[in-house]
């Protein structure tokens, strides 16, 4: 696991910021591991998730980690961050994931946000 992943997993916002400023790659996913953003999302560190999203980290699978762990504030944040790019593909993929996992609250959050943005 990279130093950025360790800091994100523990929720150390200032260390994550320092590492990004020093040139750490927020999009790097270690072999057989999760990205820093996935670690932050699965551990419920919303402030770190927001920082990494703003820094351009890819958030393709983070919604899955956040919804599996019941971090609805992060689900909402990721929906808002992701909604600007490839809207229809984004919504269909996320709705299928939430439905498959049986997370009613996550599904309701996604549907509500989708209709507010359209």
N, C-alpha and C. Protein backbone atom coordinates (compact mmCIF):
# COMPACT_ATOMS: atom_id res chain seq x y z
N UNK A 1 0.86 -1.17 0.00
CA UNK A 1 0.00 0.00 0.00
C UNK A 1 0.91 1.24 0.00
N UNK A 2 0.52 2.22 -0.79
CA UNK A 2 1.32 3.45 -0.90
C UNK A 2 1.13 4.33 0.33
N UNK A 3 2.05 5.27 0.58
CA UNK A 3 1.87 6.21 1.68
C UNK A 3 0.56 6.99 1.56
N UNK A 4 0.18 7.35 0.33
CA UNK A 4 -1.07 8.07 0.12
C UNK A 4 -2.26 7.21 0.51
N UNK A 5 -2.22 5.94 0.17
CA UNK A 5 -3.29 5.02 0.56
C UNK A 5 -3.39 4.88 2.07
N UNK A 6 -2.25 4.77 2.74
CA UNK A 6 -2.24 4.68 4.21
C UNK A 6 -2.87 5.92 4.83
N UNK A 7 -2.47 7.08 4.37
CA UNK A 7 -2.99 8.34 4.92
C UNK A 7 -4.48 8.47 4.65
N UNK A 8 -4.92 8.12 3.44
CA UNK A 8 -6.34 8.21 3.09
C UNK A 8 -7.16 7.23 3.91
N UNK A 9 -6.64 6.03 4.09
CA UNK A 9 -7.34 5.00 4.85
C UNK A 9 -7.54 5.42 6.31
N UNK A 10 -6.57 6.13 6.85
CA UNK A 10 -6.65 6.59 8.24
C UNK A 10 -7.37 7.92 8.39
N UNK A 11 -7.69 8.57 7.26
CA UNK A 11 -8.41 9.84 7.33
C UNK A 11 -7.55 11.04 7.65
N UNK A 12 -6.26 10.95 7.39
CA UNK A 12 -5.34 12.05 7.70
C UNK A 12 -5.32 13.07 6.55
N UNK A 13 -6.26 14.00 6.61
CA UNK A 13 -6.46 14.98 5.54
C UNK A 13 -5.20 15.76 5.22
N UNK A 14 -4.54 16.27 6.24
CA UNK A 14 -3.37 17.12 6.00
C UNK A 14 -2.20 16.34 5.41
N UNK A 15 -2.05 15.09 5.79
CA UNK A 15 -0.99 14.27 5.22
C UNK A 15 -1.31 13.95 3.76
N UNK A 16 -2.58 13.65 3.47
CA UNK A 16 -2.99 13.41 2.09
C UNK A 16 -2.71 14.65 1.25
N UNK A 17 -3.07 15.81 1.77
CA UNK A 17 -2.83 17.06 1.05
C UNK A 17 -1.34 17.29 0.83
N UNK A 18 -0.54 17.04 1.84
CA UNK A 18 0.91 17.19 1.74
C UNK A 18 1.49 16.25 0.68
N UNK A 19 1.05 15.00 0.69
CA UNK A 19 1.54 14.03 -0.28
C UNK A 19 1.13 14.40 -1.71
N UNK A 20 -0.09 14.88 -1.88
CA UNK A 20 -0.53 15.31 -3.21
C UNK A 20 0.28 16.51 -3.69
N UNK A 21 0.51 17.46 -2.78
CA UNK A 21 1.30 18.65 -3.13
C UNK A 21 2.74 18.28 -3.48
N UNK A 22 3.23 17.19 -2.88
CA UNK A 22 4.60 16.74 -3.14
C UNK A 22 4.69 15.88 -4.41
N UNK A 23 3.54 15.64 -5.06
CA UNK A 23 3.56 14.92 -6.32
C UNK A 23 3.04 13.49 -6.29
N UNK A 24 2.47 13.07 -5.17
CA UNK A 24 1.91 11.71 -5.13
C UNK A 24 0.79 11.59 -6.16
N UNK A 25 0.71 10.44 -6.80
CA UNK A 25 -0.28 10.21 -7.84
C UNK A 25 -1.57 9.69 -7.21
N UNK A 26 -2.59 10.53 -7.17
CA UNK A 26 -3.87 10.16 -6.58
C UNK A 26 -4.64 9.14 -7.40
N UNK A 27 -4.24 8.92 -8.64
CA UNK A 27 -4.95 7.97 -9.49
C UNK A 27 -4.31 6.58 -9.48
N UNK A 28 -3.19 6.44 -8.80
CA UNK A 28 -2.47 5.18 -8.76
C UNK A 28 -3.23 4.14 -7.94
N UNK A 29 -3.39 2.97 -8.50
CA UNK A 29 -3.98 1.84 -7.77
C UNK A 29 -2.92 0.76 -7.68
N UNK A 30 -2.43 0.48 -6.47
CA UNK A 30 -1.40 -0.56 -6.33
C UNK A 30 -1.92 -1.90 -6.83
N UNK A 31 -1.01 -2.75 -7.29
CA UNK A 31 -1.38 -4.08 -7.76
C UNK A 31 -2.10 -4.83 -6.64
N UNK A 32 -3.22 -5.42 -6.98
CA UNK A 32 -4.04 -6.18 -6.02
C UNK A 32 -4.48 -5.33 -4.84
N UNK A 33 -4.73 -4.08 -5.07
CA UNK A 33 -5.16 -3.22 -3.98
C UNK A 33 -6.19 -2.20 -4.41
N UNK A 34 -6.46 -1.30 -3.50
CA UNK A 34 -7.42 -0.24 -3.76
C UNK A 34 -6.67 1.08 -3.87
N UNK A 35 -7.29 2.03 -4.55
CA UNK A 35 -6.71 3.36 -4.66
C UNK A 35 -6.89 4.10 -3.34
N UNK A 36 -6.22 5.22 -3.21
CA UNK A 36 -6.36 6.04 -2.01
C UNK A 36 -7.81 6.48 -1.84
N UNK A 37 -8.47 6.83 -2.93
CA UNK A 37 -9.87 7.26 -2.87
C UNK A 37 -10.77 6.11 -2.42
N UNK A 38 -10.52 4.91 -2.90
CA UNK A 38 -11.31 3.76 -2.48
C UNK A 38 -11.13 3.48 -0.98
N UNK A 39 -9.90 3.63 -0.50
CA UNK A 39 -9.65 3.46 0.94
C UNK A 39 -10.42 4.50 1.75
N UNK A 40 -10.34 5.75 1.34
CA UNK A 40 -11.04 6.82 2.07
C UNK A 40 -12.55 6.60 2.04
N UNK A 41 -13.08 6.21 0.88
CA UNK A 41 -14.53 5.99 0.75
C UNK A 41 -15.00 4.82 1.60
N UNK A 42 -14.24 3.74 1.63
CA UNK A 42 -14.67 2.57 2.39
C UNK A 42 -14.54 2.77 3.90
N UNK A 43 -13.68 3.70 4.32
CA UNK A 43 -13.52 3.98 5.75
C UNK A 43 -14.33 5.18 6.22
N UNK A 44 -15.07 5.82 5.30
CA UNK A 44 -15.97 6.90 5.69
C UNK A 44 -15.32 8.24 5.92
N UNK A 45 -14.19 8.49 5.30
CA UNK A 45 -13.49 9.77 5.49
C UNK A 45 -13.89 10.75 4.39
N UNK A 46 -15.04 11.40 4.59
CA UNK A 46 -15.63 12.27 3.57
C UNK A 46 -14.70 13.41 3.18
N UNK A 47 -14.01 14.00 4.15
CA UNK A 47 -13.13 15.13 3.85
C UNK A 47 -11.98 14.71 2.94
N UNK A 48 -11.47 13.50 3.13
CA UNK A 48 -10.39 13.00 2.28
C UNK A 48 -10.93 12.64 0.90
N UNK A 49 -12.13 12.06 0.85
CA UNK A 49 -12.77 11.74 -0.43
C UNK A 49 -12.93 13.01 -1.26
N UNK A 50 -13.42 14.06 -0.63
CA UNK A 50 -13.63 15.33 -1.34
C UNK A 50 -12.31 15.87 -1.88
N UNK A 51 -11.27 15.85 -1.07
CA UNK A 51 -9.96 16.35 -1.50
C UNK A 51 -9.43 15.55 -2.68
N UNK A 52 -9.51 14.23 -2.60
CA UNK A 52 -9.00 13.38 -3.68
C UNK A 52 -9.82 13.55 -4.96
N UNK A 53 -11.13 13.70 -4.84
CA UNK A 53 -11.97 13.95 -6.02
C UNK A 53 -11.59 15.27 -6.67
N UNK A 54 -11.41 16.29 -5.86
CA UNK A 54 -11.03 17.61 -6.39
C UNK A 54 -9.64 17.57 -7.02
N UNK A 55 -8.79 16.67 -6.55
CA UNK A 55 -7.44 16.53 -7.10
C UNK A 55 -7.42 15.69 -8.37
N UNK A 56 -8.59 15.17 -8.77
CA UNK A 56 -8.67 14.44 -10.02
C UNK A 56 -8.54 12.94 -9.93
N UNK A 57 -8.62 12.39 -8.73
CA UNK A 57 -8.54 10.94 -8.59
C UNK A 57 -9.76 10.29 -9.24
N UNK A 58 -9.56 9.19 -9.97
CA UNK A 58 -10.70 8.52 -10.61
C UNK A 58 -11.61 7.88 -9.56
N UNK A 59 -12.90 8.06 -9.74
CA UNK A 59 -13.82 7.55 -8.72
C UNK A 59 -14.77 6.50 -9.29
N UNK A 60 -14.28 5.70 -10.21
CA UNK A 60 -15.12 4.70 -10.87
C UNK A 60 -15.73 3.70 -9.89
N UNK A 61 -14.93 3.11 -9.03
CA UNK A 61 -15.46 2.06 -8.16
C UNK A 61 -15.66 2.51 -6.71
N UNK A 62 -15.41 3.77 -6.44
CA UNK A 62 -15.52 4.26 -5.06
C UNK A 62 -16.95 4.23 -4.54
N UNK A 63 -17.89 4.47 -5.43
CA UNK A 63 -19.29 4.47 -5.01
C UNK A 63 -19.68 3.10 -4.48
N UNK A 64 -19.17 2.07 -5.10
CA UNK A 64 -19.43 0.71 -4.64
C UNK A 64 -18.92 0.53 -3.21
N UNK A 65 -17.68 0.96 -2.95
CA UNK A 65 -17.11 0.82 -1.61
C UNK A 65 -17.90 1.63 -0.58
N UNK A 66 -18.25 2.85 -0.91
CA UNK A 66 -18.99 3.70 0.03
C UNK A 66 -20.37 3.13 0.32
N UNK A 67 -21.07 2.65 -0.72
CA UNK A 67 -22.42 2.14 -0.50
C UNK A 67 -22.39 0.80 0.24
N UNK A 68 -21.40 -0.04 -0.05
CA UNK A 68 -21.28 -1.32 0.67
C UNK A 68 -21.10 -1.09 2.17
N UNK A 69 -20.40 -0.01 2.52
CA UNK A 69 -20.10 0.27 3.92
C UNK A 69 -21.13 1.19 4.56
N UNK A 70 -22.13 1.63 3.79
CA UNK A 70 -23.19 2.47 4.35
C UNK A 70 -22.81 3.91 4.59
N UNK A 71 -21.84 4.42 3.87
CA UNK A 71 -21.42 5.82 4.03
C UNK A 71 -22.20 6.69 3.05
N UNK A 72 -23.44 7.03 3.42
CA UNK A 72 -24.36 7.72 2.50
C UNK A 72 -23.92 9.15 2.21
N UNK A 73 -23.23 9.79 3.14
CA UNK A 73 -22.71 11.14 2.87
C UNK A 73 -21.67 11.09 1.74
N UNK A 74 -20.89 10.03 1.71
CA UNK A 74 -19.88 9.88 0.66
C UNK A 74 -20.55 9.47 -0.65
N UNK A 75 -21.58 8.63 -0.58
CA UNK A 75 -22.34 8.28 -1.79
C UNK A 75 -22.85 9.56 -2.44
N UNK A 76 -23.45 10.43 -1.65
CA UNK A 76 -23.99 11.69 -2.17
C UNK A 76 -22.87 12.54 -2.77
N UNK A 77 -21.76 12.66 -2.06
CA UNK A 77 -20.63 13.46 -2.54
C UNK A 77 -20.11 12.93 -3.88
N UNK A 78 -19.97 11.63 -3.98
CA UNK A 78 -19.48 11.03 -5.22
C UNK A 78 -20.47 11.23 -6.36
N UNK A 79 -21.76 11.13 -6.05
CA UNK A 79 -22.78 11.39 -7.07
C UNK A 79 -22.63 12.81 -7.60
N UNK A 80 -22.46 13.76 -6.71
CA UNK A 80 -22.34 15.16 -7.14
C UNK A 80 -21.04 15.40 -7.90
N UNK A 81 -19.94 14.78 -7.48
CA UNK A 81 -18.66 14.94 -8.19
C UNK A 81 -18.71 14.29 -9.57
N UNK A 82 -19.36 13.15 -9.66
CA UNK A 82 -19.36 12.37 -10.90
C UNK A 82 -20.41 12.82 -11.90
N UNK A 83 -21.41 13.53 -11.45
CA UNK A 83 -22.58 13.80 -12.29
C UNK A 83 -22.26 14.62 -13.53
N UNK A 84 -21.17 15.35 -13.52
CA UNK A 84 -20.87 16.22 -14.63
C UNK A 84 -20.33 15.47 -15.85
N UNK A 85 -19.76 14.30 -15.66
CA UNK A 85 -19.16 13.58 -16.79
C UNK A 85 -19.95 12.32 -17.11
N UNK A 86 -20.18 12.10 -18.37
CA UNK A 86 -20.91 10.94 -18.89
C UNK A 86 -22.11 10.58 -18.03
N UNK A 87 -23.05 11.50 -17.97
CA UNK A 87 -24.19 11.41 -17.06
C UNK A 87 -24.99 10.12 -17.22
N UNK A 88 -25.40 9.78 -18.42
CA UNK A 88 -26.29 8.62 -18.56
C UNK A 88 -25.58 7.31 -18.19
N UNK A 89 -24.34 7.12 -18.64
CA UNK A 89 -23.60 5.91 -18.29
C UNK A 89 -23.35 5.87 -16.79
N UNK A 90 -23.00 7.01 -16.21
CA UNK A 90 -22.78 7.08 -14.77
C UNK A 90 -24.00 6.60 -14.00
N UNK A 91 -25.17 7.16 -14.33
CA UNK A 91 -26.37 6.82 -13.57
C UNK A 91 -26.76 5.36 -13.76
N UNK A 92 -26.71 4.86 -14.96
CA UNK A 92 -27.12 3.48 -15.19
C UNK A 92 -26.19 2.50 -14.46
N UNK A 93 -24.90 2.72 -14.51
CA UNK A 93 -23.96 1.85 -13.81
C UNK A 93 -24.22 1.88 -12.31
N UNK A 94 -24.39 3.06 -11.74
CA UNK A 94 -24.56 3.19 -10.29
C UNK A 94 -25.89 2.64 -9.83
N UNK A 95 -26.95 2.87 -10.61
CA UNK A 95 -28.25 2.33 -10.24
C UNK A 95 -28.23 0.81 -10.26
N UNK A 96 -27.56 0.22 -11.23
CA UNK A 96 -27.45 -1.25 -11.28
C UNK A 96 -26.67 -1.79 -10.09
N UNK A 97 -25.58 -1.11 -9.72
CA UNK A 97 -24.77 -1.55 -8.58
C UNK A 97 -25.59 -1.47 -7.30
N UNK A 98 -26.26 -0.34 -7.08
CA UNK A 98 -27.04 -0.17 -5.85
C UNK A 98 -28.18 -1.19 -5.79
N UNK A 99 -28.84 -1.41 -6.91
CA UNK A 99 -29.93 -2.37 -6.95
C UNK A 99 -29.42 -3.78 -6.67
N UNK A 100 -28.30 -4.14 -7.29
CA UNK A 100 -27.74 -5.48 -7.10
C UNK A 100 -27.32 -5.71 -5.66
N UNK A 101 -26.84 -4.68 -5.01
CA UNK A 101 -26.41 -4.83 -3.63
C UNK A 101 -27.57 -4.79 -2.65
N UNK A 102 -28.73 -4.36 -3.13
CA UNK A 102 -29.90 -4.31 -2.26
C UNK A 102 -29.86 -3.17 -1.27
N UNK A 103 -29.12 -2.13 -1.57
CA UNK A 103 -29.02 -0.99 -0.66
C UNK A 103 -30.09 0.03 -1.01
N UNK A 104 -31.22 -0.06 -0.34
CA UNK A 104 -32.36 0.80 -0.64
C UNK A 104 -32.02 2.27 -0.44
N UNK A 105 -31.34 2.60 0.65
CA UNK A 105 -31.01 4.00 0.91
C UNK A 105 -30.07 4.53 -0.16
N UNK A 106 -29.10 3.74 -0.55
CA UNK A 106 -28.18 4.15 -1.61
C UNK A 106 -28.93 4.37 -2.91
N UNK A 107 -29.81 3.47 -3.25
CA UNK A 107 -30.60 3.59 -4.47
C UNK A 107 -31.48 4.83 -4.42
N UNK A 108 -32.11 5.07 -3.28
CA UNK A 108 -32.96 6.27 -3.14
C UNK A 108 -32.13 7.54 -3.26
N UNK A 109 -30.94 7.55 -2.68
CA UNK A 109 -30.06 8.71 -2.78
C UNK A 109 -29.68 8.98 -4.23
N UNK A 110 -29.31 7.95 -4.95
CA UNK A 110 -28.92 8.11 -6.35
C UNK A 110 -30.08 8.62 -7.20
N UNK A 111 -31.25 8.05 -7.02
CA UNK A 111 -32.41 8.48 -7.81
C UNK A 111 -32.77 9.93 -7.49
N UNK A 112 -32.78 10.29 -6.22
CA UNK A 112 -33.11 11.66 -5.82
C UNK A 112 -32.10 12.64 -6.42
N UNK A 113 -30.82 12.35 -6.32
CA UNK A 113 -29.80 13.24 -6.87
C UNK A 113 -29.90 13.34 -8.39
N UNK A 114 -30.22 12.21 -9.03
CA UNK A 114 -30.33 12.21 -10.48
C UNK A 114 -31.43 13.16 -10.93
N UNK A 115 -32.58 13.11 -10.28
CA UNK A 115 -33.68 13.97 -10.68
C UNK A 115 -33.45 15.43 -10.32
N UNK A 116 -32.70 15.69 -9.28
CA UNK A 116 -32.38 17.08 -8.93
C UNK A 116 -31.42 17.69 -9.94
N UNK A 117 -30.54 16.89 -10.52
CA UNK A 117 -29.55 17.40 -11.46
C UNK A 117 -30.09 17.53 -12.88
N UNK A 118 -31.14 16.79 -13.20
CA UNK A 118 -31.67 16.82 -14.57
C UNK A 118 -32.59 17.99 -14.80
